[in-house]
PDB file of N, CA and C in Angstrom:
ATOM      1  N   UNK A   1     168.127 105.530 146.132  1.00  0.00           N
ATOM      2  CA  UNK A   1     168.343 104.194 146.596  1.00  0.00           C
ATOM      3  C   UNK A   1     168.299 103.216 145.411  1.00  0.00           C
ATOM      4  N   UNK A   2     167.379 103.464 144.477  1.00  0.00           N
ATOM      5  CA  UNK A   2     167.285 102.590 143.303  1.00  0.00           C
ATOM      6  C   UNK A   2     168.599 102.583 142.531  1.00  0.00           C
ATOM      7  N   UNK A   3     169.169 103.742 142.361  1.00  0.00           N
ATOM      8  CA  UNK A   3     170.431 103.842 141.628  1.00  0.00           C
ATOM      9  C   UNK A   3     171.528 103.069 142.360  1.00  0.00           C
ATOM     10  N   UNK A   4     171.569 103.213 143.672  1.00  0.00           N
ATOM     11  CA  UNK A   4     172.602 102.541 144.469  1.00  0.00           C
ATOM     12  C   UNK A   4     172.526 101.030 144.299  1.00  0.00           C
ATOM     13  N   UNK A   5     171.309 100.478 144.213  1.00  0.00           N
ATOM     14  CA  UNK A   5     171.133  99.038 144.101  1.00  0.00           C
ATOM     15  C   UNK A   5     170.878  98.575 142.668  1.00  0.00           C
ATOM     16  N   UNK A   6     171.143  99.455 141.713  1.00  0.00           N
ATOM     17  CA  UNK A   6     170.996  99.143 140.278  1.00  0.00           C
ATOM     18  C   UNK A   6     169.592  98.647 139.918  1.00  0.00           C
ATOM     19  N   UNK A   7     168.612  99.346 140.457  1.00  0.00           N
ATOM     20  CA  UNK A   7     167.206  99.046 140.177  1.00  0.00           C
ATOM     21  C   UNK A   7     166.684 100.125 139.234  1.00  0.00           C
ATOM     22  N   UNK A   8     165.805  99.747 138.338  1.00  0.00           N
ATOM     23  CA  UNK A   8     165.204 100.706 137.417  1.00  0.00           C
ATOM     24  C   UNK A   8     164.558 101.836 138.215  1.00  0.00           C
ATOM     25  N   UNK A   9     165.039 103.045 138.027  1.00  0.00           N
ATOM     26  CA  UNK A   9     164.590 104.186 138.832  1.00  0.00           C
ATOM     27  C   UNK A   9     163.118 104.520 138.599  1.00  0.00           C
ATOM     28  N   UNK A  10     162.648 104.390 137.384  1.00  0.00           N
ATOM     29  CA  UNK A  10     161.248 104.693 137.085  1.00  0.00           C
ATOM     30  C   UNK A  10     160.331 103.684 137.783  1.00  0.00           C
ATOM     31  N   UNK A  11     160.707 102.407 137.752  1.00  0.00           N
ATOM     32  CA  UNK A  11     159.917 101.381 138.432  1.00  0.00           C
ATOM     33  C   UNK A  11     159.917 101.605 139.946  1.00  0.00           C
ATOM     34  N   UNK A  12     161.048 102.006 140.484  1.00  0.00           N
ATOM     35  CA  UNK A  12     161.139 102.275 141.915  1.00  0.00           C
ATOM     36  C   UNK A  12     160.261 103.467 142.294  1.00  0.00           C
ATOM     37  N   UNK A  13     160.218 104.470 141.440  1.00  0.00           N
ATOM     38  CA  UNK A  13     159.378 105.636 141.688  1.00  0.00           C
ATOM     39  C   UNK A  13     157.904 105.238 141.704  1.00  0.00           C
ATOM     40  N   UNK A  14     157.506 104.435 140.746  1.00  0.00           N
ATOM     41  CA  UNK A  14     156.115 103.971 140.683  1.00  0.00           C
ATOM     42  C   UNK A  14     155.787 103.114 141.908  1.00  0.00           C
ATOM     43  N   UNK A  15     156.702 102.243 142.295  1.00  0.00           N
ATOM     44  CA  UNK A  15     156.487 101.406 143.486  1.00  0.00           C
ATOM     45  C   UNK A  15     156.311 102.265 144.731  1.00  0.00           C
ATOM     46  N   UNK A  16     157.091 103.321 144.847  1.00  0.00           N
ATOM     47  CA  UNK A  16     156.970 104.220 145.990  1.00  0.00           C
ATOM     48  C   UNK A  16     155.629 104.926 146.019  1.00  0.00           C
ATOM     49  N   UNK A  17     155.166 105.355 144.862  1.00  0.00           N
ATOM     50  CA  UNK A  17     153.858 106.009 144.792  1.00  0.00           C
ATOM     51  C   UNK A  17     152.736 105.049 145.153  1.00  0.00           C
ATOM     52  N   UNK A  18     152.813 103.835 144.656  1.00  0.00           N
ATOM     53  CA  UNK A  18     151.786 102.841 144.973  1.00  0.00           C
ATOM     54  C   UNK A  18     151.823 102.472 146.454  1.00  0.00           C
ATOM     55  N   UNK A  19     153.018 102.369 147.010  1.00  0.00           N
ATOM     56  CA  UNK A  19     153.159 102.055 148.437  1.00  0.00           C
ATOM     57  C   UNK A  19     152.441 103.100 149.293  1.00  0.00           C
ATOM     58  N   UNK A  20     152.505 104.347 148.894  1.00  0.00           N
ATOM     59  CA  UNK A  20     151.927 105.438 149.686  1.00  0.00           C
ATOM     60  C   UNK A  20     150.525 105.843 149.213  1.00  0.00           C
ATOM     61  N   UNK A  21     149.864 104.979 148.460  1.00  0.00           N
ATOM     62  CA  UNK A  21     148.542 105.261 147.892  1.00  0.00           C
ATOM     63  C   UNK A  21     147.577 105.835 148.935  1.00  0.00           C
ATOM     64  N   UNK A  22     147.546 105.270 150.150  1.00  0.00           N
ATOM     65  CA  UNK A  22     146.622 105.711 151.206  1.00  0.00           C
ATOM     66  C   UNK A  22     147.301 106.531 152.298  1.00  0.00           C
ATOM     67  N   UNK A  23     148.478 107.010 152.053  1.00  0.00           N
ATOM     68  CA  UNK A  23     149.252 107.746 153.068  1.00  0.00           C
ATOM     69  C   UNK A  23     148.508 108.980 153.584  1.00  0.00           C
ATOM     70  N   UNK A  24     147.627 109.548 152.766  1.00  0.00           N
ATOM     71  CA  UNK A  24     146.934 110.783 153.150  1.00  0.00           C
ATOM     72  C   UNK A  24     145.769 110.542 154.113  1.00  0.00           C
ATOM     73  N   UNK A  25     145.399 109.297 154.353  1.00  0.00           N
ATOM     74  CA  UNK A  25     144.283 108.992 155.249  1.00  0.00           C
ATOM     75  C   UNK A  25     144.726 109.076 156.706  1.00  0.00           C
ATOM     76  N   UNK A  26     143.803 109.494 157.569  1.00  0.00           N
ATOM     77  CA  UNK A  26     144.142 109.544 158.997  1.00  0.00           C
ATOM     78  C   UNK A  26     143.954 108.149 159.615  1.00  0.00           C
ATOM     79  N   UNK A  27     144.333 108.005 160.870  1.00  0.00           N
ATOM     80  CA  UNK A  27     144.305 106.701 161.534  1.00  0.00           C
ATOM     81  C   UNK A  27     142.918 106.063 161.500  1.00  0.00           C
ATOM     82  N   UNK A  28     141.901 106.844 161.804  1.00  0.00           N
ATOM     83  CA  UNK A  28     140.532 106.332 161.820  1.00  0.00           C
ATOM     84  C   UNK A  28     140.127 105.827 160.434  1.00  0.00           C
ATOM     85  N   UNK A  29     140.441 106.598 159.408  1.00  0.00           N
ATOM     86  CA  UNK A  29     140.114 106.197 158.034  1.00  0.00           C
ATOM     87  C   UNK A  29     140.850 104.924 157.632  1.00  0.00           C
ATOM     88  N   UNK A  30     142.118 104.820 158.032  1.00  0.00           N
ATOM     89  CA  UNK A  30     142.894 103.621 157.712  1.00  0.00           C
ATOM     90  C   UNK A  30     142.322 102.384 158.395  1.00  0.00           C
ATOM     91  N   UNK A  31     141.943 102.526 159.661  1.00  0.00           N
ATOM     92  CA  UNK A  31     141.355 101.398 160.379  1.00  0.00           C
ATOM     93  C   UNK A  31     140.022 100.991 159.750  1.00  0.00           C
ATOM     94  N   UNK A  32     139.194 101.966 159.417  1.00  0.00           N
ATOM     95  CA  UNK A  32     137.908 101.674 158.775  1.00  0.00           C
ATOM     96  C   UNK A  32     138.119 100.957 157.441  1.00  0.00           C
ATOM     97  N   UNK A  33     139.078 101.439 156.682  1.00  0.00           N
ATOM     98  CA  UNK A  33     139.347 100.857 155.372  1.00  0.00           C
ATOM     99  C   UNK A  33     139.902  99.438 155.508  1.00  0.00           C
ATOM    100  N   UNK A  34     140.757  99.224 156.492  1.00  0.00           N
ATOM    101  CA  UNK A  34     141.312  97.885 156.723  1.00  0.00           C
ATOM    102  C   UNK A  34     140.196  96.901 157.075  1.00  0.00           C
ATOM    103  N   UNK A  35     139.275  97.336 157.902  1.00  0.00           N
ATOM    104  CA  UNK A  35     138.144  96.483 158.263  1.00  0.00           C
ATOM    105  C   UNK A  35     137.273  96.223 157.039  1.00  0.00           C
ATOM    106  N   UNK A  36     136.989  97.258 156.276  1.00  0.00           N
ATOM    107  CA  UNK A  36     136.181  97.124 155.052  1.00  0.00           C
ATOM    108  C   UNK A  36     136.822  96.137 154.084  1.00  0.00           C
ATOM    109  N   UNK A  37     138.150  96.175 153.958  1.00  0.00           N
ATOM    110  CA  UNK A  37     138.869  95.315 153.026  1.00  0.00           C
ATOM    111  C   UNK A  37     139.198  93.949 153.631  1.00  0.00           C
ATOM    112  N   UNK A  38     138.723  93.694 154.850  1.00  0.00           N
ATOM    113  CA  UNK A  38     138.921  92.421 155.532  1.00  0.00           C
ATOM    114  C   UNK A  38     140.407  92.094 155.710  1.00  0.00           C
ATOM    115  N   UNK A  39     141.177  93.117 156.045  1.00  0.00           N
ATOM    116  CA  UNK A  39     142.605  92.938 156.327  1.00  0.00           C
ATOM    117  C   UNK A  39     142.730  92.509 157.787  1.00  0.00           C
ATOM    118  N   UNK A  40     143.451  91.425 158.024  1.00  0.00           N
ATOM    119  CA  UNK A  40     143.624  90.931 159.385  1.00  0.00           C
ATOM    120  C   UNK A  40     144.450  91.941 160.185  1.00  0.00           C
ATOM    121  N   UNK A  41     143.902  92.371 161.304  1.00  0.00           N
ATOM    122  CA  UNK A  41     144.565  93.372 162.137  1.00  0.00           C
ATOM    123  C   UNK A  41     145.200  92.705 163.352  1.00  0.00           C
ATOM    124  N   UNK A  42     146.446  93.030 163.598  1.00  0.00           N
ATOM    125  CA  UNK A  42     147.131  92.491 164.769  1.00  0.00           C
ATOM    126  C   UNK A  42     146.772  93.323 165.990  1.00  0.00           C
ATOM    127  N   UNK A  43     146.897  92.702 167.144  1.00  0.00           N
ATOM    128  CA  UNK A  43     146.588  93.380 168.397  1.00  0.00           C
ATOM    129  C   UNK A  43     147.466  94.622 168.557  1.00  0.00           C
ATOM    130  N   UNK A  44     146.856  95.726 168.924  1.00  0.00           N
ATOM    131  CA  UNK A  44     147.574  96.966 169.167  1.00  0.00           C
ATOM    132  C   UNK A  44     147.779  97.847 167.947  1.00  0.00           C
ATOM    133  N   UNK A  45     147.299  97.422 166.790  1.00  0.00           N
ATOM    134  CA  UNK A  45     147.514  98.215 165.562  1.00  0.00           C
ATOM    135  C   UNK A  45     146.837  99.582 165.659  1.00  0.00           C
ATOM    136  N   UNK A  46     145.831  99.692 166.512  1.00  0.00           N
ATOM    137  CA  UNK A  46     145.144 100.984 166.667  1.00  0.00           C
ATOM    138  C   UNK A  46     146.125 102.090 167.058  1.00  0.00           C
ATOM    139  N   UNK A  47     147.155 101.714 167.794  1.00  0.00           N
ATOM    140  CA  UNK A  47     148.166 102.687 168.231  1.00  0.00           C
ATOM    141  C   UNK A  47     149.192 103.004 167.143  1.00  0.00           C
ATOM    142  N   UNK A  48     149.167 102.231 166.054  1.00  0.00           N
ATOM    143  CA  UNK A  48     150.120 102.419 164.958  1.00  0.00           C
ATOM    144  C   UNK A  48     149.399 102.322 163.612  1.00  0.00           C
ATOM    145  N   UNK A  49     148.190 102.835 163.544  1.00  0.00           N
ATOM    146  CA  UNK A  49     147.349 102.681 162.356  1.00  0.00           C
ATOM    147  C   UNK A  49     148.012 103.219 161.088  1.00  0.00           C
ATOM    148  N   UNK A  50     148.883 104.188 161.221  1.00  0.00           N
ATOM    149  CA  UNK A  50     149.537 104.758 160.040  1.00  0.00           C
ATOM    150  C   UNK A  50     150.304 103.691 159.251  1.00  0.00           C
ATOM    151  N   UNK A  51     150.707 102.623 159.933  1.00  0.00           N
ATOM    152  CA  UNK A  51     151.429 101.546 159.254  1.00  0.00           C
ATOM    153  C   UNK A  51     150.542 100.778 158.279  1.00  0.00           C
ATOM    154  N   UNK A  52     149.240 100.944 158.390  1.00  0.00           N
ATOM    155  CA  UNK A  52     148.305 100.234 157.514  1.00  0.00           C
ATOM    156  C   UNK A  52     148.266 100.808 156.102  1.00  0.00           C
ATOM    157  N   UNK A  53     148.827 101.988 155.885  1.00  0.00           N
ATOM    158  CA  UNK A  53     148.652 102.663 154.600  1.00  0.00           C
ATOM    159  C   UNK A  53     149.120 101.831 153.407  1.00  0.00           C
ATOM    160  N   UNK A  54     150.176 101.070 153.576  1.00  0.00           N
ATOM    161  CA  UNK A  54     150.657 100.263 152.449  1.00  0.00           C
ATOM    162  C   UNK A  54     149.700  99.115 152.140  1.00  0.00           C
ATOM    163  N   UNK A  55     149.153  98.495 153.181  1.00  0.00           N
ATOM    164  CA  UNK A  55     148.216  97.390 152.980  1.00  0.00           C
ATOM    165  C   UNK A  55     146.897  97.864 152.388  1.00  0.00           C
ATOM    166  N   UNK A  56     146.316  98.903 152.978  1.00  0.00           N
ATOM    167  CA  UNK A  56     145.030  99.388 152.471  1.00  0.00           C
ATOM    168  C   UNK A  56     145.195  99.976 151.077  1.00  0.00           C
ATOM    169  N   UNK A  57     146.305 100.621 150.840  1.00  0.00           N
ATOM    170  CA  UNK A  57     146.566 101.185 149.518  1.00  0.00           C
ATOM    171  C   UNK A  57     146.683 100.116 148.452  1.00  0.00           C
ATOM    172  N   UNK A  58     147.340  99.011 148.789  1.00  0.00           N
ATOM    173  CA  UNK A  58     147.492  97.918 147.827  1.00  0.00           C
ATOM    174  C   UNK A  58     146.141  97.335 147.447  1.00  0.00           C
ATOM    175  N   UNK A  59     145.279  97.131 148.452  1.00  0.00           N
ATOM    176  CA  UNK A  59     143.951  96.581 148.167  1.00  0.00           C
ATOM    177  C   UNK A  59     143.117  97.588 147.376  1.00  0.00           C
ATOM    178  N   UNK A  60     143.143  98.844 147.784  1.00  0.00           N
ATOM    179  CA  UNK A  60     142.369  99.872 147.073  1.00  0.00           C
ATOM    180  C   UNK A  60     142.807  99.983 145.624  1.00  0.00           C
ATOM    181  N   UNK A  61     144.101  99.983 145.396  1.00  0.00           N
ATOM    182  CA  UNK A  61     144.611 100.078 144.023  1.00  0.00           C
ATOM    183  C   UNK A  61     144.191  98.863 143.211  1.00  0.00           C
ATOM    184  N   UNK A  62     144.295  97.692 143.809  1.00  0.00           N
ATOM    185  CA  UNK A  62     143.907  96.471 143.115  1.00  0.00           C
ATOM    186  C   UNK A  62     142.427  96.496 142.744  1.00  0.00           C
ATOM    187  N   UNK A  63     141.592  96.933 143.680  1.00  0.00           N
ATOM    188  CA  UNK A  63     140.158  96.998 143.401  1.00  0.00           C
ATOM    189  C   UNK A  63     139.853  97.980 142.282  1.00  0.00           C
ATOM    190  N   UNK A  64     140.560  99.103 142.251  1.00  0.00           N
ATOM    191  CA  UNK A  64     140.339 100.086 141.174  1.00  0.00           C
ATOM    192  C   UNK A  64     140.826  99.530 139.851  1.00  0.00           C
ATOM    193  N   UNK A  65     141.892  98.754 139.886  1.00  0.00           N
ATOM    194  CA  UNK A  65     142.436  98.182 138.650  1.00  0.00           C
ATOM    195  C   UNK A  65     141.521  97.109 138.069  1.00  0.00           C
ATOM    196  N   UNK A  66     140.745  96.463 138.938  1.00  0.00           N
ATOM    197  CA  UNK A  66     139.833  95.414 138.490  1.00  0.00           C
ATOM    198  C   UNK A  66     138.603  95.964 137.777  1.00  0.00           C
ATOM    199  N   UNK A  67     138.314  97.242 137.974  1.00  0.00           N
ATOM    200  CA  UNK A  67     137.106  97.845 137.362  1.00  0.00           C
ATOM    201  C   UNK A  67     137.227  98.060 135.896  1.00  0.00           C
TER     202      UNK A  67
END
């Protein structure tokens, strides 16, 4: 997709990896992490917790980068 839109492929690869930082967590872990990170949760997200992986991953990565 990066090539199709003339985007730097290496940067796109890194962005994809960062986006999926928390992809390996299960729904319960994602919800716990979102609450821990004070991420505002919309009504019904419990049924779609897997969608939180990009948000929780971004915060987790940022916190690790700050250390």
